[in-house]
Amino acid sequence: ILQHLNKIFDGVCRIYVDGDPEVRHGAQILDKTMSDLVKQWRHWFSPSDFVPVLAQHAKNPAIRQCVLAWVMLLDDLDVDVAPYLSQFLDGLFGMLSDPLRETRHNANACLTAVLKKVVAGSHDQALAVISDTAGIVVKICFSSDSCQRLSALCWLHQFVLTKAAIVGAGRQCVLTKADLDDKWVEILPDLLG
């Protein structure tokens, strides 16, 4: 079944929006069964094949909770989502403006968890994620939704701190958080250049 996971997931996402509540309920049961199978047989699961399918559905408002559950499942399984982050980050930020409080809360928790993993990863990986996603995050800073803007600004702040720490380590200088908070405007062009 896991070899067909992508097609099954794509189909489940399509029937999540069905008008019949019983069909939607069936989609939820199938989705839960699929996630249980992935947990049980994680060594047969291919995140590199699955994440692009997940990313295609990240902006669909009708299945946001489903997408969030899968992103958090990947995180729980210790799947390194950093290489795939640029594919679904915009969709995760978009969920911060969802009318349902639970979706906004879960999206914020998911974004926080992902950012912590990026910062805790290797320097090379952190720099790659910053390079791949900075444009997305900057674009979201201009969103009309204040929650999206605030989260994006927090991400940018963490990007600057992370890159400054990495660049500072490479230059044999020690930068403290207080130094960065006071002087980040001075060093920003050098960091981004």
C-alpha atoms as a PDB file:
ATOM      1  CA  ILE A   1       0.000   0.000   0.000  1.00  0.00           C
ATOM      2  CA  LEU A   2       2.817   2.433   0.817  1.00  0.00           C
ATOM      3  CA  GLN A   3       4.065   2.221  -2.758  1.00  0.00           C
ATOM      4  CA  HIS A   4       0.714   3.733  -3.775  1.00  0.00           C
ATOM      5  CA  LEU A   5       0.550   6.222  -0.904  1.00  0.00           C
ATOM      6  CA  ASN A   6       0.911   9.286  -3.115  1.00  0.00           C
ATOM      7  CA  LYS A   7      -2.008   8.342  -5.356  1.00  0.00           C
ATOM      8  CA  ILE A   8      -4.166   7.323  -2.393  1.00  0.00           C
ATOM      9  CA  PHE A   9      -3.367  10.552  -0.539  1.00  0.00           C
ATOM     10  CA  ASP A  10      -4.146  12.604  -3.635  1.00  0.00           C
ATOM     11  CA  GLY A  11      -7.502  10.832  -3.918  1.00  0.00           C
ATOM     12  CA  VAL A  12      -8.257  11.291  -0.218  1.00  0.00           C
ATOM     13  CA  CYS A  13      -7.580  15.016  -0.554  1.00  0.00           C
ATOM     14  CA  ARG A  14     -10.043  15.200  -3.423  1.00  0.00           C
ATOM     15  CA  ILE A  15     -12.834  13.452  -1.508  1.00  0.00           C
ATOM     16  CA  TYR A  16     -12.233  15.506   1.666  1.00  0.00           C
ATOM     17  CA  VAL A  17     -14.144  18.296  -0.083  1.00  0.00           C
ATOM     18  CA  ASP A  18     -17.105  16.112  -1.097  1.00  0.00           C
ATOM     19  CA  GLY A  19     -20.524  17.482  -0.175  1.00  0.00           C
ATOM     20  CA  ASP A  20     -21.630  14.230   1.457  1.00  0.00           C
ATOM     21  CA  PRO A  21     -20.615  14.081   5.149  1.00  0.00           C
ATOM     22  CA  GLU A  22     -20.344  10.297   5.039  1.00  0.00           C
ATOM     23  CA  VAL A  23     -17.877  10.478   2.156  1.00  0.00           C
ATOM     24  CA  ARG A  24     -15.800  13.057   4.082  1.00  0.00           C
ATOM     25  CA  HIS A  25     -15.913  10.814   7.144  1.00  0.00           C
ATOM     26  CA  GLY A  26     -14.675   7.910   5.012  1.00  0.00           C
ATOM     27  CA  ALA A  27     -11.819  10.120   3.762  1.00  0.00           C
ATOM     28  CA  GLN A  28     -10.867  10.934   7.353  1.00  0.00           C
ATOM     29  CA  ILE A  29     -10.834   7.242   8.290  1.00  0.00           C
ATOM     30  CA  LEU A  30      -8.701   6.378   5.255  1.00  0.00           C
ATOM     31  CA  ASP A  31      -6.356   9.279   6.025  1.00  0.00           C
ATOM     32  CA  LYS A  32      -5.941   8.054   9.621  1.00  0.00           C
ATOM     33  CA  THR A  33      -5.287   4.509   8.395  1.00  0.00           C
ATOM     34  CA  MET A  34      -2.636   5.770   5.978  1.00  0.00           C
ATOM     35  CA  SER A  35      -0.854   7.748   8.687  1.00  0.00           C
ATOM     36  CA  ASP A  36      -0.929   4.690  10.976  1.00  0.00           C
ATOM     37  CA  LEU A  37       0.624   2.599   8.194  1.00  0.00           C
ATOM     38  CA  VAL A  38       3.357   5.168   7.671  1.00  0.00           C
ATOM     39  CA  LYS A  39       4.120   5.131  11.414  1.00  0.00           C
ATOM     40  CA  GLN A  40       4.302   1.328  11.420  1.00  0.00           C
ATOM     41  CA  TRP A  41       6.259   0.917   8.214  1.00  0.00           C
ATOM     42  CA  ARG A  42       8.313   4.113   8.212  1.00  0.00           C
ATOM     43  CA  HIS A  43      11.313   2.364   6.658  1.00  0.00           C
ATOM     44  CA  TRP A  44       9.218   1.784   3.503  1.00  0.00           C
ATOM     45  CA  PHE A  45       7.999   5.383   3.425  1.00  0.00           C
ATOM     46  CA  SER A  46       9.627   7.763   0.929  1.00  0.00           C
ATOM     47  CA  PRO A  47       9.327  11.390   2.070  1.00  0.00           C
ATOM     48  CA  SER A  48      11.038  12.658  -1.084  1.00  0.00           C
ATOM     49  CA  ASP A  49       8.182  11.209  -3.158  1.00  0.00           C
ATOM     50  CA  PHE A  50       5.397  12.136  -0.733  1.00  0.00           C
ATOM     51  CA  VAL A  51       6.224  15.743   0.175  1.00  0.00           C
ATOM     52  CA  PRO A  52       5.619  17.173  -3.329  1.00  0.00           C
ATOM     53  CA  VAL A  53       2.127  15.608  -3.290  1.00  0.00           C
ATOM     54  CA  LEU A  54       1.534  17.042   0.197  1.00  0.00           C
ATOM     55  CA  ALA A  55       2.772  20.459  -0.962  1.00  0.00           C
ATOM     56  CA  GLN A  56       0.279  20.482  -3.861  1.00  0.00           C
ATOM     57  CA  HIS A  57      -2.551  20.382  -1.339  1.00  0.00           C
ATOM     58  CA  ALA A  58      -1.080  22.756   1.276  1.00  0.00           C
ATOM     59  CA  LYS A  59      -3.037  25.766  -0.012  1.00  0.00           C
ATOM     60  CA  ASN A  60      -6.403  24.019  -0.205  1.00  0.00           C
ATOM     61  CA  PRO A  61      -8.480  25.494   2.664  1.00  0.00           C
ATOM     62  CA  ALA A  62     -10.743  22.435   2.848  1.00  0.00           C
ATOM     63  CA  ILE A  63      -7.928  20.083   3.862  1.00  0.00           C
ATOM     64  CA  ARG A  64      -5.645  22.294   5.930  1.00  0.00           C
ATOM     65  CA  GLN A  65      -6.017  20.169   9.069  1.00  0.00           C
ATOM     66  CA  CYS A  66      -5.116  17.080   7.063  1.00  0.00           C
ATOM     67  CA  VAL A  67      -1.994  18.740   5.634  1.00  0.00           C
ATOM     68  CA  LEU A  68      -0.964  19.996   9.080  1.00  0.00           C
ATOM     69  CA  ALA A  69      -1.414  16.529  10.546  1.00  0.00           C
ATOM     70  CA  TRP A  70       0.868  15.059   7.892  1.00  0.00           C
ATOM     71  CA  VAL A  71       3.549  17.740   8.347  1.00  0.00           C
ATOM     72  CA  MET A  72       3.493  17.115  12.095  1.00  0.00           C
ATOM     73  CA  LEU A  73       3.613  13.349  11.453  1.00  0.00           C
ATOM     74  CA  LEU A  74       6.731  13.843   9.346  1.00  0.00           C
ATOM     75  CA  ASP A  75       8.205  15.858  12.197  1.00  0.00           C
ATOM     76  CA  ASP A  76       7.251  13.154  14.739  1.00  0.00           C
ATOM     77  CA  LEU A  77       8.905  10.504  12.568  1.00  0.00           C
ATOM     78  CA  ASP A  78      12.073  12.615  12.564  1.00  0.00           C
ATOM     79  CA  VAL A  79      11.833  13.060   8.819  1.00  0.00           C
ATOM     80  CA  ASP A  80      14.079  15.931   7.860  1.00  0.00           C
ATOM     81  CA  VAL A  81      11.561  18.300   6.257  1.00  0.00           C
ATOM     82  CA  ALA A  82      14.144  21.055   5.712  1.00  0.00           C
ATOM     83  CA  PRO A  83      15.011  20.029   2.139  1.00  0.00           C
ATOM     84  CA  TYR A  84      11.314  20.172   1.237  1.00  0.00           C
ATOM     85  CA  LEU A  85      10.370  23.279   3.202  1.00  0.00           C
ATOM     86  CA  SER A  86      10.245  25.628   0.224  1.00  0.00           C
ATOM     87  CA  GLN A  87       7.557  23.410  -1.330  1.00  0.00           C
ATOM     88  CA  PHE A  88       4.977  23.889   1.429  1.00  0.00           C
ATOM     89  CA  LEU A  89       6.094  26.852   3.577  1.00  0.00           C
ATOM     90  CA  ASP A  90       3.838  29.341   1.790  1.00  0.00           C
ATOM     91  CA  GLY A  91       0.849  27.076   2.435  1.00  0.00           C
ATOM     92  CA  LEU A  92       1.707  26.757   6.138  1.00  0.00           C
ATOM     93  CA  PHE A  93       1.933  30.529   6.527  1.00  0.00           C
ATOM     94  CA  GLY A  94      -1.370  30.862   4.659  1.00  0.00           C
ATOM     95  CA  MET A  95      -3.029  28.691   7.307  1.00  0.00           C
ATOM     96  CA  LEU A  96      -2.324  31.404   9.893  1.00  0.00           C
ATOM     97  CA  SER A  97      -5.232  33.377   8.429  1.00  0.00           C
ATOM     98  CA  ASP A  98      -7.684  30.465   8.502  1.00  0.00           C
ATOM     99  CA  PRO A  99     -11.074  31.321  10.047  1.00  0.00           C
ATOM    100  CA  LEU A 100     -10.825  28.327  12.401  1.00  0.00           C
ATOM    101  CA  ARG A 101      -8.841  29.042  15.554  1.00  0.00           C
ATOM    102  CA  GLU A 102      -7.683  25.416  15.791  1.00  0.00           C
ATOM    103  CA  THR A 103      -6.154  25.575  12.310  1.00  0.00           C
ATOM    104  CA  ARG A 104      -4.363  28.851  13.092  1.00  0.00           C
ATOM    105  CA  HIS A 105      -3.060  27.411  16.372  1.00  0.00           C
ATOM    106  CA  ASN A 106      -1.859  24.176  14.736  1.00  0.00           C
ATOM    107  CA  ALA A 107      -0.241  26.038  11.857  1.00  0.00           C
ATOM    108  CA  ASN A 108       1.624  28.273  14.281  1.00  0.00           C
ATOM    109  CA  ALA A 109       2.780  25.252  16.314  1.00  0.00           C
ATOM    110  CA  CYS A 110       3.898  23.512  13.129  1.00  0.00           C
ATOM    111  CA  LEU A 111       5.809  26.570  11.886  1.00  0.00           C
ATOM    112  CA  THR A 112       7.492  26.942  15.276  1.00  0.00           C
ATOM    113  CA  ALA A 113       8.536  23.279  15.355  1.00  0.00           C
ATOM    114  CA  VAL A 114       9.898  23.422  11.809  1.00  0.00           C
ATOM    115  CA  LEU A 115      11.886  26.603  12.487  1.00  0.00           C
ATOM    116  CA  LYS A 116      13.400  25.090  15.647  1.00  0.00           C
ATOM    117  CA  LYS A 117      14.525  22.053  13.648  1.00  0.00           C
ATOM    118  CA  VAL A 118      16.073  24.238  10.963  1.00  0.00           C
ATOM    119  CA  VAL A 119      18.005  26.281  13.517  1.00  0.00           C
ATOM    120  CA  ALA A 120      19.134  23.148  15.377  1.00  0.00           C
ATOM    121  CA  GLY A 121      20.352  21.471  12.184  1.00  0.00           C
ATOM    122  CA  SER A 122      23.781  21.624  10.644  1.00  0.00           C
ATOM    123  CA  HIS A 123      25.176  24.963   9.499  1.00  0.00           C
ATOM    124  CA  ASP A 124      25.110  23.876   5.863  1.00  0.00           C
ATOM    125  CA  GLN A 125      21.509  22.773   6.094  1.00  0.00           C
ATOM    126  CA  ALA A 126      20.449  25.948   7.913  1.00  0.00           C
ATOM    127  CA  LEU A 127      22.115  28.093   5.255  1.00  0.00           C
ATOM    128  CA  ALA A 128      20.465  26.064   2.490  1.00  0.00           C
ATOM    129  CA  VAL A 129      17.019  26.481   4.083  1.00  0.00           C
ATOM    130  CA  ILE A 130      17.563  30.210   4.555  1.00  0.00           C
ATOM    131  CA  SER A 131      18.624  30.511   0.923  1.00  0.00           C
ATOM    132  CA  ASP A 132      15.653  28.458  -0.321  1.00  0.00           C
ATOM    133  CA  THR A 133      12.964  30.085   1.820  1.00  0.00           C
ATOM    134  CA  ALA A 134      14.011  33.683   2.524  1.00  0.00           C
ATOM    135  CA  GLY A 135      12.159  34.949  -0.561  1.00  0.00           C
ATOM    136  CA  ILE A 136       8.965  33.195   0.525  1.00  0.00           C
ATOM    137  CA  VAL A 137       9.244  34.594   4.047  1.00  0.00           C
ATOM    138  CA  VAL A 138       9.937  38.135   2.799  1.00  0.00           C
ATOM    139  CA  LYS A 139       6.888  37.937   0.501  1.00  0.00           C
ATOM    140  CA  ILE A 140       4.736  36.925   3.483  1.00  0.00           C
ATOM    141  CA  CYS A 141       5.997  39.962   5.415  1.00  0.00           C
ATOM    142  CA  PHE A 142       3.833  42.003   3.029  1.00  0.00           C
ATOM    143  CA  SER A 143       0.696  39.936   3.614  1.00  0.00           C
ATOM    144  CA  SER A 144      -2.481  41.738   4.590  1.00  0.00           C
ATOM    145  CA  ASP A 145      -2.881  39.324   7.535  1.00  0.00           C
ATOM    146  CA  SER A 146      -1.124  40.571  10.677  1.00  0.00           C
ATOM    147  CA  CYS A 147      -0.554  37.069  12.078  1.00  0.00           C
ATOM    148  CA  GLN A 148       1.192  35.986   8.895  1.00  0.00           C
ATOM    149  CA  ARG A 149       3.313  39.153   8.902  1.00  0.00           C
ATOM    150  CA  LEU A 150       4.316  38.716  12.546  1.00  0.00           C
ATOM    151  CA  SER A 151       5.286  35.070  12.055  1.00  0.00           C
ATOM    152  CA  ALA A 152       7.231  35.906   8.911  1.00  0.00           C
ATOM    153  CA  LEU A 153       9.095  38.667  10.736  1.00  0.00           C
ATOM    154  CA  CYS A 154       9.947  36.226  13.526  1.00  0.00           C
ATOM    155  CA  TRP A 155      11.278  33.790  10.924  1.00  0.00           C
ATOM    156  CA  LEU A 156      13.365  36.535   9.304  1.00  0.00           C
ATOM    157  CA  HIS A 157      14.720  37.564  12.693  1.00  0.00           C
ATOM    158  CA  GLN A 158      15.726  33.963  13.388  1.00  0.00           C
ATOM    159  CA  PHE A 159      17.264  33.689   9.911  1.00  0.00           C
ATOM    160  CA  VAL A 160      19.398  36.762  10.592  1.00  0.00           C
ATOM    161  CA  LEU A 161      20.457  35.456  14.022  1.00  0.00           C
ATOM    162  CA  THR A 162      21.282  32.035  12.600  1.00  0.00           C
ATOM    163  CA  LYS A 163      23.213  33.323   9.616  1.00  0.00           C
ATOM    164  CA  ALA A 164      25.058  35.856  11.787  1.00  0.00           C
ATOM    165  CA  ALA A 165      26.077  33.127  14.216  1.00  0.00           C
ATOM    166  CA  ILE A 166      27.301  30.920  11.359  1.00  0.00           C
ATOM    167  CA  VAL A 167      29.127  33.751   9.586  1.00  0.00           C
ATOM    168  CA  GLY A 168      30.486  34.958  12.927  1.00  0.00           C
ATOM    169  CA  ALA A 169      31.778  31.471  13.731  1.00  0.00           C
ATOM    170  CA  GLY A 170      33.504  31.342  10.358  1.00  0.00           C
ATOM    171  CA  ARG A 171      35.199  34.667  11.027  1.00  0.00           C
ATOM    172  CA  GLN A 172      36.438  33.622  14.454  1.00  0.00           C
ATOM    173  CA  CYS A 173      34.397  36.271  16.222  1.00  0.00           C
ATOM    174  CA  VAL A 174      31.843  35.681  18.879  1.00  0.00           C
ATOM    175  CA  LEU A 175      28.510  37.433  18.503  1.00  0.00           C
ATOM    176  CA  THR A 176      26.049  37.353  21.337  1.00  0.00           C
ATOM    177  CA  LYS A 177      22.292  37.677  20.974  1.00  0.00           C
ATOM    178  CA  ALA A 178      22.517  41.133  22.592  1.00  0.00           C
ATOM    179  CA  ASP A 179      25.128  42.200  20.021  1.00  0.00           C
ATOM    180  CA  LEU A 180      22.897  41.014  17.213  1.00  0.00           C
ATOM    181  CA  ASP A 181      19.788  42.665  18.602  1.00  0.00           C
ATOM    182  CA  ASP A 182      21.625  45.994  18.866  1.00  0.00           C
ATOM    183  CA  LYS A 183      23.655  45.835  15.678  1.00  0.00           C
ATOM    184  CA  TRP A 184      21.690  43.661  13.277  1.00  0.00           C
ATOM    185  CA  VAL A 185      20.923  46.594  10.979  1.00  0.00           C
ATOM    186  CA  GLU A 186      24.650  47.306  10.636  1.00  0.00           C
ATOM    187  CA  ILE A 187      25.577  43.733   9.771  1.00  0.00           C
ATOM    188  CA  LEU A 188      22.499  42.839   7.696  1.00  0.00           C
ATOM    189  CA  PRO A 189      23.938  43.892   4.293  1.00  0.00           C
ATOM    190  CA  ASP A 190      27.084  41.843   4.937  1.00  0.00           C
ATOM    191  CA  LEU A 191      25.035  38.823   6.033  1.00  0.00           C
ATOM    192  CA  LEU A 192      22.712  38.878   3.042  1.00  0.00           C
ATOM    193  CA  GLY A 193      25.370  39.821   0.521  1.00  0.00           C
END
